[in-house]
Amino acid sequence: MEKNVPKKITRFNIVFINLQLLFTFLTIGLFIWYLFDTSMMSIFQGCLGVTLLIMAYNNHIIYRKKAMTITYLVVGIILLVLDLVLLVV
């Protein structure tokens, strides 16, 4: 059996694919808003971190691409931690 064979899509997976789509559009919108108002950095960074975590989940469960899963997971966690540090300071 091949390692990177996609898993069968379930209703639960479709929810996470839709969440990824929603957060991607939200992140793009917040990025455009951030270009005009730099005070939106914290919200944009948090949304981007959550988007990357959802992408990591989808890569792990559906596409089974280990390298990209780890990359999305690490970058998403780093962004969320930096966002929390910026909110506290």
Protein backbone atom coordinates (compact mmCIF):
# COMPACT_ATOMS: atom_id res chain seq x y z
CA MET A 1 0.00 0.00 0.00
CA GLU A 2 1.36 3.41 -0.95
CA LYS A 3 2.21 5.89 1.76
CA ASN A 4 0.57 9.02 0.28
CA VAL A 5 -2.76 7.53 -0.75
CA PRO A 6 -5.55 10.00 0.11
CA LYS A 7 -8.00 8.88 2.76
CA LYS A 8 -11.70 8.50 2.00
CA ILE A 9 -13.52 11.79 2.57
CA THR A 10 -16.10 11.77 5.39
CA ARG A 11 -18.58 14.41 6.53
CA PHE A 12 -16.25 15.30 9.40
CA ASN A 13 -13.40 15.94 6.95
CA ILE A 14 -15.66 18.13 4.81
CA VAL A 15 -16.33 20.30 7.87
CA PHE A 16 -12.61 20.88 8.30
CA ILE A 17 -12.13 21.55 4.59
CA ASN A 18 -14.90 24.17 4.81
CA LEU A 19 -13.30 25.63 7.94
CA GLN A 20 -10.01 25.89 6.08
CA LEU A 21 -11.72 27.72 3.23
CA LEU A 22 -13.50 30.08 5.64
CA PHE A 23 -10.35 30.88 7.61
CA THR A 24 -8.34 31.33 4.41
CA PHE A 25 -10.75 33.98 3.15
CA LEU A 26 -10.88 35.56 6.60
CA THR A 27 -7.08 35.68 6.74
CA ILE A 28 -6.89 37.27 3.28
CA GLY A 29 -9.46 39.87 4.32
CA LEU A 30 -7.60 40.60 7.55
CA PHE A 31 -4.34 40.92 5.63
CA ILE A 32 -5.87 43.53 3.34
CA TRP A 33 -7.28 45.33 6.39
CA TYR A 34 -3.82 45.11 8.07
CA LEU A 35 -2.24 46.87 5.08
CA PHE A 36 -4.36 49.94 5.87
CA ASP A 37 -4.47 49.65 9.69
CA THR A 38 -1.40 48.15 11.38
CA SER A 39 -3.24 47.76 14.70
CA MET A 40 -4.87 44.64 13.17
CA MET A 41 -1.60 42.70 13.42
CA SER A 42 -2.67 40.65 16.46
CA ILE A 43 -6.00 39.56 14.97
CA PHE A 44 -4.40 38.81 11.59
CA GLN A 45 -1.59 36.80 13.18
CA GLY A 46 -3.99 34.78 15.33
CA CYS A 47 -6.26 34.02 12.37
CA LEU A 48 -3.26 32.98 10.27
CA GLY A 49 -2.06 30.68 13.07
CA VAL A 50 -5.47 28.98 13.33
CA THR A 51 -5.63 28.65 9.53
CA LEU A 52 -2.25 26.91 9.50
CA LEU A 53 -3.32 24.53 12.28
CA ILE A 54 -6.45 23.58 10.33
CA MET A 55 -4.31 23.10 7.22
CA ALA A 56 -1.97 20.84 9.22
CA TYR A 57 -4.92 18.74 10.38
CA ASN A 58 -6.27 18.43 6.82
CA ASN A 59 -2.84 17.48 5.48
CA HIS A 60 -2.40 14.83 8.16
CA ILE A 61 -5.87 13.29 7.95
CA ILE A 62 -6.78 13.66 4.28
CA TYR A 63 -3.64 14.10 2.18
CA ARG A 64 -1.12 12.35 4.47
CA LYS A 65 1.79 14.62 3.56
CA LYS A 66 4.00 14.45 6.63
CA ALA A 67 6.52 17.17 5.71
CA MET A 68 3.89 19.84 5.07
CA THR A 69 1.88 18.77 8.11
CA ILE A 70 4.87 19.37 10.37
CA THR A 71 5.67 22.67 8.65
CA TYR A 72 2.11 24.00 9.00
CA LEU A 73 1.90 22.78 12.59
CA VAL A 74 5.19 24.36 13.70
CA VAL A 75 4.56 27.69 11.97
CA GLY A 76 0.97 27.83 13.24
CA ILE A 77 2.02 27.18 16.84
CA ILE A 78 4.84 29.75 16.60
CA LEU A 79 2.42 32.37 15.27
CA LEU A 80 -0.12 31.70 18.02
CA VAL A 81 2.55 31.83 20.74
CA LEU A 82 3.92 35.10 19.33
CA ASP A 83 0.39 36.47 19.20
CA LEU A 84 -0.17 35.59 22.87
CA VAL A 85 3.17 37.18 23.81
CA LEU A 86 2.22 40.39 21.94
CA LEU A 87 -1.16 40.49 23.69
CA VAL A 88 0.41 40.05 27.15
CA VAL A 89 3.19 42.61 26.63
